[in-house]
């Protein structure tokens, strides 16, 4: 059975999908743009702030689901510009220091709302 997850501590979905789903003890987050949940504002001027915001959104979703960042098993990062790779890694390592999930990071042609990046994660409960 699939459980749909939602928290007001992360931005609402910008399309016909949920923030996350849970099935068989796994939590799958949708891609998180660097949207500020309280205002809906998109961070577009600083890749480090944008990375932290996207990861904070994932953290809020996981916590609502009864999980945490240390239970993340896979992360996918989609960048508007691969030149931001080092800056993203700098912030990312603050969230995943000892625990290092599997990860992919790719440059894409364009992201929703012209975002700088989008991050999604898979975690265990």
PDB file of N, CA and C in Angstrom:
ATOM      1  N   UNK A   1       0.839  -1.181   0.000  1.00  0.00           N
ATOM      2  CA  UNK A   1       0.000   0.000   0.000  1.00  0.00           C
ATOM      3  C   UNK A   1       0.890   1.252   0.000  1.00  0.00           C
ATOM      4  N   UNK A   2       0.554   2.194  -0.826  1.00  0.00           N
ATOM      5  CA  UNK A   2       1.302   3.442  -0.931  1.00  0.00           C
ATOM      6  C   UNK A   2       0.656   4.492  -0.042  1.00  0.00           C
ATOM      7  N   UNK A   3       1.468   5.139   0.775  1.00  0.00           N
ATOM      8  CA  UNK A   3       0.993   6.217   1.640  1.00  0.00           C
ATOM      9  C   UNK A   3       1.515   7.537   1.078  1.00  0.00           C
ATOM     10  N   UNK A   4       0.631   8.499   0.904  1.00  0.00           N
ATOM     11  CA  UNK A   4       1.000   9.829   0.426  1.00  0.00           C
ATOM     12  C   UNK A   4       1.413  10.663   1.638  1.00  0.00           C
ATOM     13  N   UNK A   5       2.551  11.334   1.528  1.00  0.00           N
ATOM     14  CA  UNK A   5       3.083  12.127   2.638  1.00  0.00           C
ATOM     15  C   UNK A   5       3.004  13.617   2.332  1.00  0.00           C
ATOM     16  N   UNK A   6       2.774  14.399   3.382  1.00  0.00           N
ATOM     17  CA  UNK A   6       2.706  15.859   3.242  1.00  0.00           C
ATOM     18  C   UNK A   6       3.065  16.522   4.562  1.00  0.00           C
ATOM     19  N   UNK A   7       3.779  17.631   4.481  1.00  0.00           N
ATOM     20  CA  UNK A   7       4.044  18.478   5.629  1.00  0.00           C
ATOM     21  C   UNK A   7       3.989  19.938   5.195  1.00  0.00           C
ATOM     22  N   UNK A   8       3.505  20.787   6.083  1.00  0.00           N
ATOM     23  CA  UNK A   8       3.496  22.226   5.812  1.00  0.00           C
ATOM     24  C   UNK A   8       4.889  22.835   5.994  1.00  0.00           C
ATOM     25  N   UNK A   9       5.841  22.048   6.507  1.00  0.00           N
ATOM     26  CA  UNK A   9       7.207  22.534   6.733  1.00  0.00           C
ATOM     27  C   UNK A   9       8.064  22.441   5.475  1.00  0.00           C
ATOM     28  N   UNK A  10       7.464  21.966   4.393  1.00  0.00           N
ATOM     29  CA  UNK A  10       8.111  21.939   3.081  1.00  0.00           C
ATOM     30  C   UNK A  10       7.119  22.512   2.080  1.00  0.00           C
ATOM     31  N   UNK A  11       7.612  23.017   0.941  1.00  0.00           N
ATOM     32  CA  UNK A  11       6.686  23.614  -0.026  1.00  0.00           C
ATOM     33  C   UNK A  11       5.720  22.602  -0.607  1.00  0.00           C
ATOM     34  N   UNK A  12       4.538  23.059  -0.897  1.00  0.00           N
ATOM     35  CA  UNK A  12       3.543  22.219  -1.560  1.00  0.00           C
ATOM     36  C   UNK A  12       4.042  21.879  -2.964  1.00  0.00           C
ATOM     37  N   UNK A  13       3.594  20.773  -3.482  1.00  0.00           N
ATOM     38  CA  UNK A  13       3.964  20.374  -4.839  1.00  0.00           C
ATOM     39  C   UNK A  13       3.505  21.438  -5.836  1.00  0.00           C
ATOM     40  N   UNK A  14       4.320  21.659  -6.875  1.00  0.00           N
ATOM     41  CA  UNK A  14       3.976  22.666  -7.885  1.00  0.00           C
ATOM     42  C   UNK A  14       3.269  22.039  -9.086  1.00  0.00           C
ATOM     43  N   UNK A  15       2.835  20.799  -8.933  1.00  0.00           N
ATOM     44  CA  UNK A  15       2.129  20.103 -10.008  1.00  0.00           C
ATOM     45  C   UNK A  15       1.294  18.975  -9.436  1.00  0.00           C
ATOM     46  N   UNK A  16       0.821  18.081 -10.295  1.00  0.00           N
ATOM     47  CA  UNK A  16      -0.055  16.988  -9.856  1.00  0.00           C
ATOM     48  C   UNK A  16       0.742  15.800  -9.291  1.00  0.00           C
ATOM     49  N   UNK A  17       1.401  16.025  -8.177  1.00  0.00           N
ATOM     50  CA  UNK A  17       2.167  14.977  -7.506  1.00  0.00           C
ATOM     51  C   UNK A  17       2.237  15.304  -6.023  1.00  0.00           C
ATOM     52  N   UNK A  18       2.762  14.372  -5.230  1.00  0.00           N
ATOM     53  CA  UNK A  18       2.860  14.581  -3.784  1.00  0.00           C
ATOM     54  C   UNK A  18       4.295  14.918  -3.389  1.00  0.00           C
ATOM     55  N   UNK A  19       4.455  15.458  -2.187  1.00  0.00           N
ATOM     56  CA  UNK A  19       5.795  15.765  -1.681  1.00  0.00           C
ATOM     57  C   UNK A  19       6.623  14.489  -1.567  1.00  0.00           C
ATOM     58  N   UNK A  20       5.965  13.411  -1.164  1.00  0.00           N
ATOM     59  CA  UNK A  20       6.652  12.131  -1.005  1.00  0.00           C
ATOM     60  C   UNK A  20       5.629  11.014  -0.907  1.00  0.00           C
ATOM     61  N   UNK A  21       6.114   9.804  -1.105  1.00  0.00           N
ATOM     62  CA  UNK A  21       5.306   8.612  -0.898  1.00  0.00           C
ATOM     63  C   UNK A  21       6.105   7.630  -0.053  1.00  0.00           C
ATOM     64  N   UNK A  22       5.364   6.780   0.644  1.00  0.00           N
ATOM     65  CA  UNK A  22       5.993   5.735   1.438  1.00  0.00           C
ATOM     66  C   UNK A  22       5.419   4.392   1.011  1.00  0.00           C
ATOM     67  N   UNK A  23       6.297   3.436   0.787  1.00  0.00           N
ATOM     68  CA  UNK A  23       5.869   2.087   0.433  1.00  0.00           C
ATOM     69  C   UNK A  23       6.925   1.088   0.928  1.00  0.00           C
ATOM     70  N   UNK A  24       6.457   0.033   1.579  1.00  0.00           N
ATOM     71  CA  UNK A  24       7.337  -1.042   2.055  1.00  0.00           C
ATOM     72  C   UNK A  24       8.542  -0.542   2.853  1.00  0.00           C
ATOM     73  N   UNK A  25       8.332   0.471   3.685  1.00  0.00           N
ATOM     74  CA  UNK A  25       9.403   0.982   4.532  1.00  0.00           C
ATOM     75  C   UNK A  25      10.354   1.949   3.861  1.00  0.00           C
ATOM     76  N   UNK A  26      10.092   2.298   2.602  1.00  0.00           N
ATOM     77  CA  UNK A  26      10.916   3.268   1.880  1.00  0.00           C
ATOM     78  C   UNK A  26      10.135   4.558   1.681  1.00  0.00           C
ATOM     79  N   UNK A  27      10.833   5.676   1.777  1.00  0.00           N
ATOM     80  CA  UNK A  27      10.243   6.993   1.539  1.00  0.00           C
ATOM     81  C   UNK A  27      10.918   7.575   0.302  1.00  0.00           C
ATOM     82  N   UNK A  28      10.097   7.973  -0.670  1.00  0.00           N
ATOM     83  CA  UNK A  28      10.577   8.557  -1.915  1.00  0.00           C
ATOM     84  C   UNK A  28      10.121  10.012  -1.958  1.00  0.00           C
ATOM     85  N   UNK A  29      11.059  10.949  -1.866  1.00  0.00           N
ATOM     86  CA  UNK A  29      10.653  12.352  -1.960  1.00  0.00           C
ATOM     87  C   UNK A  29      10.598  12.763  -3.423  1.00  0.00           C
ATOM     88  N   UNK A  30       9.694  13.660  -3.714  1.00  0.00           N
ATOM     89  CA  UNK A  30       9.707  14.306  -5.018  1.00  0.00           C
ATOM     90  C   UNK A  30      10.879  15.267  -5.034  1.00  0.00           C
ATOM     91  N   UNK A  31      11.278  15.688  -6.217  1.00  0.00           N
ATOM     92  CA  UNK A  31      12.360  16.656  -6.325  1.00  0.00           C
ATOM     93  C   UNK A  31      11.993  17.936  -5.602  1.00  0.00           C
ATOM     94  N   UNK A  32      12.925  18.426  -4.810  1.00  0.00           N
ATOM     95  CA  UNK A  32      12.694  19.638  -4.041  1.00  0.00           C
ATOM     96  C   UNK A  32      13.483  20.804  -4.616  1.00  0.00           C
ATOM     97  N   UNK A  33      12.745  21.755  -5.149  1.00  0.00           N
ATOM     98  CA  UNK A  33      13.340  23.021  -5.561  1.00  0.00           C
ATOM     99  C   UNK A  33      13.676  23.817  -4.303  1.00  0.00           C
ATOM    100  N   UNK A  34      14.531  24.808  -4.401  1.00  0.00           N
ATOM    101  CA  UNK A  34      14.834  25.635  -3.237  1.00  0.00           C
ATOM    102  C   UNK A  34      13.738  26.672  -2.954  1.00  0.00           C
ATOM    103  N   UNK A  35      12.550  26.170  -2.682  1.00  0.00           N
ATOM    104  CA  UNK A  35      11.407  27.024  -2.366  1.00  0.00           C
ATOM    105  C   UNK A  35      11.292  27.191  -0.853  1.00  0.00           C
ATOM    106  N   UNK A  36      11.053  28.401  -0.418  1.00  0.00           N
ATOM    107  CA  UNK A  36      10.833  28.674   0.999  1.00  0.00           C
ATOM    108  C   UNK A  36       9.382  28.333   1.312  1.00  0.00           C
ATOM    109  N   UNK A  37       9.142  27.369   2.216  1.00  0.00           N
ATOM    110  CA  UNK A  37       7.771  26.891   2.446  1.00  0.00           C
ATOM    111  C   UNK A  37       6.784  27.976   2.863  1.00  0.00           C
ATOM    112  N   UNK A  38       7.228  28.895   3.698  1.00  0.00           N
ATOM    113  CA  UNK A  38       6.322  29.915   4.238  1.00  0.00           C
ATOM    114  C   UNK A  38       5.867  30.931   3.191  1.00  0.00           C
ATOM    115  N   UNK A  39       6.718  31.194   2.204  1.00  0.00           N
ATOM    116  CA  UNK A  39       6.409  32.254   1.237  1.00  0.00           C
ATOM    117  C   UNK A  39       6.247  31.759  -0.197  1.00  0.00           C
ATOM    118  N   UNK A  40       6.772  30.568  -0.482  1.00  0.00           N
ATOM    119  CA  UNK A  40       6.759  30.070  -1.851  1.00  0.00           C
ATOM    120  C   UNK A  40       7.835  30.695  -2.713  1.00  0.00           C
ATOM    121  N   UNK A  41       8.670  31.544  -2.109  1.00  0.00           N
ATOM    122  CA  UNK A  41       9.741  32.215  -2.843  1.00  0.00           C
ATOM    123  C   UNK A  41      10.819  31.210  -3.241  1.00  0.00           C
ATOM    124  N   UNK A  42      11.299  31.329  -4.471  1.00  0.00           N
ATOM    125  CA  UNK A  42      12.359  30.476  -4.994  1.00  0.00           C
ATOM    126  C   UNK A  42      13.697  31.176  -4.831  1.00  0.00           C
ATOM    127  N   UNK A  43      14.654  30.498  -4.230  1.00  0.00           N
ATOM    128  CA  UNK A  43      15.998  31.069  -4.085  1.00  0.00           C
ATOM    129  C   UNK A  43      16.720  30.910  -5.416  1.00  0.00           C
ATOM    130  N   UNK A  44      17.078  32.024  -6.027  1.00  0.00           N
ATOM    131  CA  UNK A  44      17.689  32.004  -7.356  1.00  0.00           C
ATOM    132  C   UNK A  44      19.026  32.730  -7.430  1.00  0.00           C
ATOM    133  N   UNK A  45      19.468  33.312  -6.314  1.00  0.00           N
ATOM    134  CA  UNK A  45      20.650  34.165  -6.376  1.00  0.00           C
ATOM    135  C   UNK A  45      21.894  33.582  -5.710  1.00  0.00           C
ATOM    136  N   UNK A  46      21.783  32.404  -5.087  1.00  0.00           N
ATOM    137  CA  UNK A  46      22.915  31.859  -4.346  1.00  0.00           C
ATOM    138  C   UNK A  46      22.798  30.332  -4.314  1.00  0.00           C
ATOM    139  N   UNK A  47      23.694  29.635  -5.006  1.00  0.00           N
ATOM    140  CA  UNK A  47      23.601  28.182  -5.102  1.00  0.00           C
ATOM    141  C   UNK A  47      23.762  27.511  -3.742  1.00  0.00           C
ATOM    142  N   UNK A  48      24.570  28.068  -2.857  1.00  0.00           N
ATOM    143  CA  UNK A  48      24.745  27.460  -1.535  1.00  0.00           C
ATOM    144  C   UNK A  48      23.457  27.575  -0.709  1.00  0.00           C
ATOM    145  N   UNK A  49      22.835  28.736  -0.720  1.00  0.00           N
ATOM    146  CA  UNK A  49      21.565  28.909  -0.011  1.00  0.00           C
ATOM    147  C   UNK A  49      20.480  28.032  -0.638  1.00  0.00           C
ATOM    148  N   UNK A  50      20.505  27.930  -1.958  1.00  0.00           N
ATOM    149  CA  UNK A  50      19.520  27.114  -2.663  1.00  0.00           C
ATOM    150  C   UNK A  50      19.691  25.638  -2.302  1.00  0.00           C
ATOM    151  N   UNK A  51      20.922  25.176  -2.233  1.00  0.00           N
ATOM    152  CA  UNK A  51      21.194  23.786  -1.865  1.00  0.00           C
ATOM    153  C   UNK A  51      20.698  23.501  -0.454  1.00  0.00           C
ATOM    154  N   UNK A  52      21.025  24.395   0.473  1.00  0.00           N
ATOM    155  CA  UNK A  52      20.583  24.215   1.866  1.00  0.00           C
ATOM    156  C   UNK A  52      19.061  24.195   1.951  1.00  0.00           C
ATOM    157  N   UNK A  53      18.398  25.060   1.219  1.00  0.00           N
ATOM    158  CA  UNK A  53      16.932  25.109   1.267  1.00  0.00           C
ATOM    159  C   UNK A  53      16.331  23.808   0.728  1.00  0.00           C
ATOM    160  N   UNK A  54      16.832  23.325  -0.394  1.00  0.00           N
ATOM    161  CA  UNK A  54      16.317  22.072  -0.942  1.00  0.00           C
ATOM    162  C   UNK A  54      16.527  20.920   0.034  1.00  0.00           C
ATOM    163  N   UNK A  55      17.704  20.856   0.651  1.00  0.00           N
ATOM    164  CA  UNK A  55      17.979  19.797   1.623  1.00  0.00           C
ATOM    165  C   UNK A  55      17.147  19.963   2.890  1.00  0.00           C
ATOM    166  N   UNK A  56      16.910  21.186   3.314  1.00  0.00           N
ATOM    167  CA  UNK A  56      16.035  21.415   4.476  1.00  0.00           C
ATOM    168  C   UNK A  56      14.605  20.960   4.165  1.00  0.00           C
ATOM    169  N   UNK A  57      14.159  21.175   2.940  1.00  0.00           N
ATOM    170  CA  UNK A  57      12.824  20.710   2.545  1.00  0.00           C
ATOM    171  C   UNK A  57      12.748  19.187   2.612  1.00  0.00           C
ATOM    172  N   UNK A  58      13.786  18.514   2.122  1.00  0.00           N
ATOM    173  CA  UNK A  58      13.827  17.051   2.201  1.00  0.00           C
ATOM    174  C   UNK A  58      13.841  16.602   3.659  1.00  0.00           C
ATOM    175  N   UNK A  59      14.641  17.251   4.467  1.00  0.00           N
ATOM    176  CA  UNK A  59      14.731  16.913   5.896  1.00  0.00           C
ATOM    177  C   UNK A  59      13.358  17.021   6.569  1.00  0.00           C
ATOM    178  N   UNK A  60      12.622  18.080   6.275  1.00  0.00           N
ATOM    179  CA  UNK A  60      11.293  18.281   6.867  1.00  0.00           C
ATOM    180  C   UNK A  60      10.330  17.172   6.443  1.00  0.00           C
ATOM    181  N   UNK A  61      10.382  16.798   5.189  1.00  0.00           N
ATOM    182  CA  UNK A  61       9.506  15.731   4.692  1.00  0.00           C
ATOM    183  C   UNK A  61       9.848  14.410   5.372  1.00  0.00           C
ATOM    184  N   UNK A  62      11.129  14.098   5.451  1.00  0.00           N
ATOM    185  CA  UNK A  62      11.546  12.841   6.077  1.00  0.00           C
ATOM    186  C   UNK A  62      11.163  12.797   7.552  1.00  0.00           C
ATOM    187  N   UNK A  63      11.355  13.903   8.251  1.00  0.00           N
ATOM    188  CA  UNK A  63      11.003  13.942   9.673  1.00  0.00           C
ATOM    189  C   UNK A  63       9.502  13.755   9.871  1.00  0.00           C
ATOM    190  N   UNK A  64       8.696  14.360   9.003  1.00  0.00           N
ATOM    191  CA  UNK A  64       7.246  14.179   9.072  1.00  0.00           C
ATOM    192  C   UNK A  64       6.873  12.712   8.875  1.00  0.00           C
ATOM    193  N   UNK A  65       7.661  12.006   8.079  1.00  0.00           N
ATOM    194  CA  UNK A  65       7.399  10.598   7.786  1.00  0.00           C
ATOM    195  C   UNK A  65       7.978   9.657   8.840  1.00  0.00           C
ATOM    196  N   UNK A  66       8.677  10.215   9.840  1.00  0.00           N
ATOM    197  CA  UNK A  66       9.279   9.385  10.873  1.00  0.00           C
ATOM    198  C   UNK A  66      10.646   8.853  10.487  1.00  0.00           C
ATOM    199  N   UNK A  67      11.314   9.526   9.566  1.00  0.00           N
ATOM    200  CA  UNK A  67      12.649   9.142   9.130  1.00  0.00           C
ATOM    201  C   UNK A  67      13.599  10.312   9.388  1.00  0.00           C
ATOM    202  N   UNK A  68      14.778  10.261   8.780  1.00  0.00           N
ATOM    203  CA  UNK A  68      15.755  11.340   8.974  1.00  0.00           C
ATOM    204  C   UNK A  68      16.801  11.297   7.870  1.00  0.00           C
ATOM    205  N   UNK A  69      17.627  12.308   7.841  1.00  0.00           N
ATOM    206  CA  UNK A  69      18.666  12.395   6.819  1.00  0.00           C
ATOM    207  C   UNK A  69      19.671  11.256   6.940  1.00  0.00           C
ATOM    208  N   UNK A  70      19.886  10.731   8.134  1.00  0.00           N
ATOM    209  CA  UNK A  70      20.852   9.637   8.279  1.00  0.00           C
ATOM    210  C   UNK A  70      20.280   8.298   7.817  1.00  0.00           C
ATOM    211  N   UNK A  71      19.043   8.306   7.365  1.00  0.00           N
ATOM    212  CA  UNK A  71      18.437   7.094   6.811  1.00  0.00           C
ATOM    213  C   UNK A  71      18.260   7.189   5.295  1.00  0.00           C
ATOM    214  N   UNK A  72      18.834   8.219   4.701  1.00  0.00           N
ATOM    215  CA  UNK A  72      18.783   8.380   3.246  1.00  0.00           C
ATOM    216  C   UNK A  72      19.730   7.375   2.610  1.00  0.00           C
ATOM    217  N   UNK A  73      19.237   6.671   1.585  1.00  0.00           N
ATOM    218  CA  UNK A  73      20.062   5.678   0.899  1.00  0.00           C
ATOM    219  C   UNK A  73      20.469   6.114  -0.511  1.00  0.00           C
ATOM    220  N   UNK A  74      19.754   7.075  -1.090  1.00  0.00           N
ATOM    221  CA  UNK A  74      20.064   7.528  -2.451  1.00  0.00           C
ATOM    222  C   UNK A  74      19.597   8.958  -2.641  1.00  0.00           C
ATOM    223  N   UNK A  75      20.432   9.757  -3.294  1.00  0.00           N
ATOM    224  CA  UNK A  75      20.115  11.151  -3.595  1.00  0.00           C
ATOM    225  C   UNK A  75      20.368  11.396  -5.077  1.00  0.00           C
ATOM    226  N   UNK A  76      19.474  12.151  -5.698  1.00  0.00           N
ATOM    227  CA  UNK A  76      19.666  12.614  -7.073  1.00  0.00           C
ATOM    228  C   UNK A  76      19.654  14.130  -7.059  1.00  0.00           C
ATOM    229  N   UNK A  77      20.670  14.717  -7.659  1.00  0.00           N
ATOM    230  CA  UNK A  77      20.766  16.180  -7.742  1.00  0.00           C
ATOM    231  C   UNK A  77      20.763  16.575  -9.214  1.00  0.00           C
ATOM    232  N   UNK A  78      19.903  17.515  -9.532  1.00  0.00           N
ATOM    233  CA  UNK A  78      19.793  18.046 -10.883  1.00  0.00           C
ATOM    234  C   UNK A  78      20.231  19.505 -10.843  1.00  0.00           C
ATOM    235  N   UNK A  79      21.288  19.840 -11.569  1.00  0.00           N
ATOM    236  CA  UNK A  79      21.841  21.194 -11.562  1.00  0.00           C
ATOM    237  C   UNK A  79      21.535  21.922 -12.861  1.00  0.00           C
ATOM    238  N   UNK A  80      21.260  23.204 -12.718  1.00  0.00           N
ATOM    239  CA  UNK A  80      21.115  24.076 -13.876  1.00  0.00           C
ATOM    240  C   UNK A  80      22.479  24.304 -14.528  1.00  0.00           C
ATOM    241  N   UNK A  81      23.548  24.294 -13.709  1.00  0.00           N
ATOM    242  CA  UNK A  81      24.900  24.541 -14.205  1.00  0.00           C
ATOM    243  C   UNK A  81      25.877  23.654 -13.444  1.00  0.00           C
ATOM    244  N   UNK A  82      26.533  22.737 -14.127  1.00  0.00           N
ATOM    245  CA  UNK A  82      27.462  21.801 -13.496  1.00  0.00           C
ATOM    246  C   UNK A  82      28.648  22.532 -12.850  1.00  0.00           C
ATOM    247  N   UNK A  83      28.874  23.762 -13.219  1.00  0.00           N
ATOM    248  CA  UNK A  83      29.944  24.551 -12.582  1.00  0.00           C
ATOM    249  C   UNK A  83      29.660  24.771 -11.101  1.00  0.00           C
ATOM    250  N   UNK A  84      28.412  24.564 -10.672  1.00  0.00           N
ATOM    251  CA  UNK A  84      28.046  24.709  -9.266  1.00  0.00           C
ATOM    252  C   UNK A  84      28.333  23.453  -8.446  1.00  0.00           C
ATOM    253  N   UNK A  85      28.884  22.422  -9.075  1.00  0.00           N
ATOM    254  CA  UNK A  85      29.112  21.126  -8.434  1.00  0.00           C
ATOM    255  C   UNK A  85      29.883  21.257  -7.110  1.00  0.00           C
ATOM    256  N   UNK A  86      30.993  21.978  -7.101  1.00  0.00           N
ATOM    257  CA  UNK A  86      31.820  22.110  -5.884  1.00  0.00           C
ATOM    258  C   UNK A  86      31.070  22.848  -4.779  1.00  0.00           C
ATOM    259  N   UNK A  87      30.373  23.905  -5.122  1.00  0.00           N
ATOM    260  CA  UNK A  87      29.618  24.673  -4.113  1.00  0.00           C
ATOM    261  C   UNK A  87      28.491  23.829  -3.530  1.00  0.00           C
ATOM    262  N   UNK A  88      27.817  23.060  -4.370  1.00  0.00           N
ATOM    263  CA  UNK A  88      26.757  22.169  -3.896  1.00  0.00           C
ATOM    264  C   UNK A  88      27.353  21.126  -2.951  1.00  0.00           C
ATOM    265  N   UNK A  89      28.484  20.537  -3.325  1.00  0.00           N
ATOM    266  CA  UNK A  89      29.136  19.536  -2.473  1.00  0.00           C
ATOM    267  C   UNK A  89      29.520  20.101  -1.114  1.00  0.00           C
ATOM    268  N   UNK A  90      29.928  21.353  -1.090  1.00  0.00           N
ATOM    269  CA  UNK A  90      30.310  21.990   0.173  1.00  0.00           C
ATOM    270  C   UNK A  90      29.136  22.005   1.153  1.00  0.00           C
ATOM    271  N   UNK A  91      27.976  22.398   0.674  1.00  0.00           N
ATOM    272  CA  UNK A  91      26.782  22.438   1.529  1.00  0.00           C
ATOM    273  C   UNK A  91      26.280  21.020   1.796  1.00  0.00           C
ATOM    274  N   UNK A  92      26.250  20.205   0.774  1.00  0.00           N
ATOM    275  CA  UNK A  92      25.776  18.819   0.880  1.00  0.00           C
ATOM    276  C   UNK A  92      26.526  18.068   1.981  1.00  0.00           C
ATOM    277  N   UNK A  93      27.836  18.286   2.073  1.00  0.00           N
ATOM    278  CA  UNK A  93      28.653  17.581   3.073  1.00  0.00           C
ATOM    279  C   UNK A  93      28.299  17.977   4.504  1.00  0.00           C
ATOM    280  N   UNK A  94      27.652  19.105   4.686  1.00  0.00           N
ATOM    281  CA  UNK A  94      27.182  19.502   6.026  1.00  0.00           C
ATOM    282  C   UNK A  94      25.978  18.651   6.440  1.00  0.00           C
ATOM    283  N   UNK A  95      25.216  18.174   5.498  1.00  0.00           N
ATOM    284  CA  UNK A  95      24.029  17.357   5.764  1.00  0.00           C
ATOM    285  C   UNK A  95      24.377  15.865   5.793  1.00  0.00           C
ATOM    286  N   UNK A  96      25.410  15.498   5.042  1.00  0.00           N
ATOM    287  CA  UNK A  96      25.841  14.106   4.958  1.00  0.00           C
ATOM    288  C   UNK A  96      27.343  14.051   5.198  1.00  0.00           C
ATOM    289  N   UNK A  97      27.745  14.110   6.473  1.00  0.00           N
ATOM    290  CA  UNK A  97      29.174  14.095   6.783  1.00  0.00           C
ATOM    291  C   UNK A  97      29.675  12.669   6.980  1.00  0.00           C
ATOM    292  N   UNK A  98      29.210  12.007   8.011  1.00  0.00           N
ATOM    293  CA  UNK A  98      29.602  10.619   8.263  1.00  0.00           C
ATOM    294  C   UNK A  98      28.830   9.669   7.347  1.00  0.00           C
ATOM    295  N   UNK A  99      27.546   9.881   7.269  1.00  0.00           N
ATOM    296  CA  UNK A  99      26.658   9.042   6.454  1.00  0.00           C
ATOM    297  C   UNK A  99      26.675   9.564   5.023  1.00  0.00           C
ATOM    298  N   UNK A 100      27.101   8.740   4.105  1.00  0.00           N
ATOM    299  CA  UNK A 100      27.203   9.157   2.712  1.00  0.00           C
ATOM    300  C   UNK A 100      26.357   8.236   1.823  1.00  0.00           C
ATOM    301  N   UNK A 101      25.125   8.657   1.508  1.00  0.00           N
ATOM    302  CA  UNK A 101      24.272   7.827   0.641  1.00  0.00           C
ATOM    303  C   UNK A 101      24.810   7.794  -0.791  1.00  0.00           C
ATOM    304  N   UNK A 102      24.359   6.809  -1.543  1.00  0.00           N
ATOM    305  CA  UNK A 102      24.655   6.783  -2.974  1.00  0.00           C
ATOM    306  C   UNK A 102      24.068   8.050  -3.598  1.00  0.00           C
ATOM    307  N   UNK A 103      24.702   8.528  -4.691  1.00  0.00           N
ATOM    308  CA  UNK A 103      24.230   9.800  -5.248  1.00  0.00           C
ATOM    309  C   UNK A 103      24.546   9.909  -6.727  1.00  0.00           C
ATOM    310  N   UNK A 104      23.667  10.600  -7.422  1.00  0.00           N
ATOM    311  CA  UNK A 104      23.906  11.023  -8.801  1.00  0.00           C
ATOM    312  C   UNK A 104      23.783  12.533  -8.834  1.00  0.00           C
ATOM    313  N   UNK A 105      24.553  13.169  -9.702  1.00  0.00           N
ATOM    314  CA  UNK A 105      24.467  14.621  -9.859  1.00  0.00           C
ATOM    315  C   UNK A 105      24.690  14.916 -11.336  1.00  0.00           C
ATOM    316  N   UNK A 106      23.695  15.528 -11.959  1.00  0.00           N
ATOM    317  CA  UNK A 106      23.777  15.800 -13.391  1.00  0.00           C
ATOM    318  C   UNK A 106      23.330  17.226 -13.699  1.00  0.00           C
ATOM    319  N   UNK A 107      23.840  17.754 -14.801  1.00  0.00           N
ATOM    320  CA  UNK A 107      23.361  19.029 -15.321  1.00  0.00           C
ATOM    321  C   UNK A 107      22.186  18.740 -16.243  1.00  0.00           C
ATOM    322  N   UNK A 108      21.162  19.566 -16.137  1.00  0.00           N
ATOM    323  CA  UNK A 108      19.985  19.428 -16.981  1.00  0.00           C
ATOM    324  C   UNK A 108      19.767  20.716 -17.774  1.00  0.00           C
ATOM    325  N   UNK A 109      18.991  20.633 -18.824  1.00  0.00           N
ATOM    326  CA  UNK A 109      18.758  21.795 -19.684  1.00  0.00           C
ATOM    327  C   UNK A 109      17.974  22.889 -18.979  1.00  0.00           C
ATOM    328  N   UNK A 110      16.982  22.494 -18.186  1.00  0.00           N
ATOM    329  CA  UNK A 110      16.137  23.483 -17.520  1.00  0.00           C
ATOM    330  C   UNK A 110      15.385  22.790 -16.396  1.00  0.00           C
ATOM    331  N   UNK A 111      15.127  23.533 -15.339  1.00  0.00           N
ATOM    332  CA  UNK A 111      14.375  23.026 -14.201  1.00  0.00           C
ATOM    333  C   UNK A 111      13.071  23.806 -14.038  1.00  0.00           C
ATOM    334  N   UNK A 112      12.075  23.215 -13.371  1.00  0.00           N
ATOM    335  CA  UNK A 112      10.841  23.957 -13.131  1.00  0.00           C
ATOM    336  C   UNK A 112      11.122  25.300 -12.469  1.00  0.00           C
ATOM    337  N   UNK A 113      10.352  26.283 -12.851  1.00  0.00           N
ATOM    338  CA  UNK A 113      10.455  27.650 -12.309  1.00  0.00           C
ATOM    339  C   UNK A 113      11.841  28.252 -12.512  1.00  0.00           C
ATOM    340  N   UNK A 114      12.628  27.684 -13.432  1.00  0.00           N
ATOM    341  CA  UNK A 114      14.000  28.134 -13.696  1.00  0.00           C
ATOM    342  C   UNK A 114      14.888  28.028 -12.453  1.00  0.00           C
ATOM    343  N   UNK A 115      14.681  26.988 -11.674  1.00  0.00           N
ATOM    344  CA  UNK A 115      15.468  26.779 -10.463  1.00  0.00           C
ATOM    345  C   UNK A 115      16.933  26.517 -10.754  1.00  0.00           C
ATOM    346  N   UNK A 116      17.770  26.770  -9.744  1.00  0.00           N
ATOM    347  CA  UNK A 116      19.200  26.504  -9.846  1.00  0.00           C
ATOM    348  C   UNK A 116      19.505  25.018  -9.694  1.00  0.00           C
ATOM    349  N   UNK A 117      18.681  24.333  -8.892  1.00  0.00           N
ATOM    350  CA  UNK A 117      18.847  22.910  -8.683  1.00  0.00           C
ATOM    351  C   UNK A 117      17.567  22.311  -8.153  1.00  0.00           C
ATOM    352  N   UNK A 118      17.520  21.001  -8.197  1.00  0.00           N
ATOM    353  CA  UNK A 118      16.415  20.240  -7.626  1.00  0.00           C
ATOM    354  C   UNK A 118      17.040  18.977  -7.042  1.00  0.00           C
ATOM    355  N   UNK A 119      16.609  18.597  -5.837  1.00  0.00           N
ATOM    356  CA  UNK A 119      17.175  17.424  -5.170  1.00  0.00           C
ATOM    357  C   UNK A 119      16.042  16.503  -4.736  1.00  0.00           C
ATOM    358  N   UNK A 120      16.246  15.200  -4.966  1.00  0.00           N
ATOM    359  CA  UNK A 120      15.294  14.193  -4.495  1.00  0.00           C
ATOM    360  C   UNK A 120      16.050  13.130  -3.713  1.00  0.00           C
ATOM    361  N   UNK A 121      15.328  12.432  -2.829  1.00  0.00           N
ATOM    362  CA  UNK A 121      15.994  11.437  -1.990  1.00  0.00           C
ATOM    363  C   UNK A 121      15.092  10.223  -1.779  1.00  0.00           C
ATOM    364  N   UNK A 122      15.747   9.107  -1.525  1.00  0.00           N
ATOM    365  CA  UNK A 122      15.079   7.881  -1.093  1.00  0.00           C
ATOM    366  C   UNK A 122      15.649   7.534   0.269  1.00  0.00           C
ATOM    367  N   UNK A 123      14.773   7.265   1.225  1.00  0.00           N
ATOM    368  CA  UNK A 123      15.210   6.934   2.581  1.00  0.00           C
ATOM    369  C   UNK A 123      14.443   5.724   3.094  1.00  0.00           C
ATOM    370  N   UNK A 124      14.964   5.108   4.139  1.00  0.00           N
ATOM    371  CA  UNK A 124      14.235   4.057   4.829  1.00  0.00           C
ATOM    372  C   UNK A 124      13.547   4.683   6.044  1.00  0.00           C
ATOM    373  N   UNK A 125      12.500   4.049   6.486  1.00  0.00           N
ATOM    374  CA  UNK A 125      11.719   4.578   7.613  1.00  0.00           C
ATOM    375  C   UNK A 125      12.487   4.457   8.918  1.00  0.00           C
TER     376      UNK A 125
END
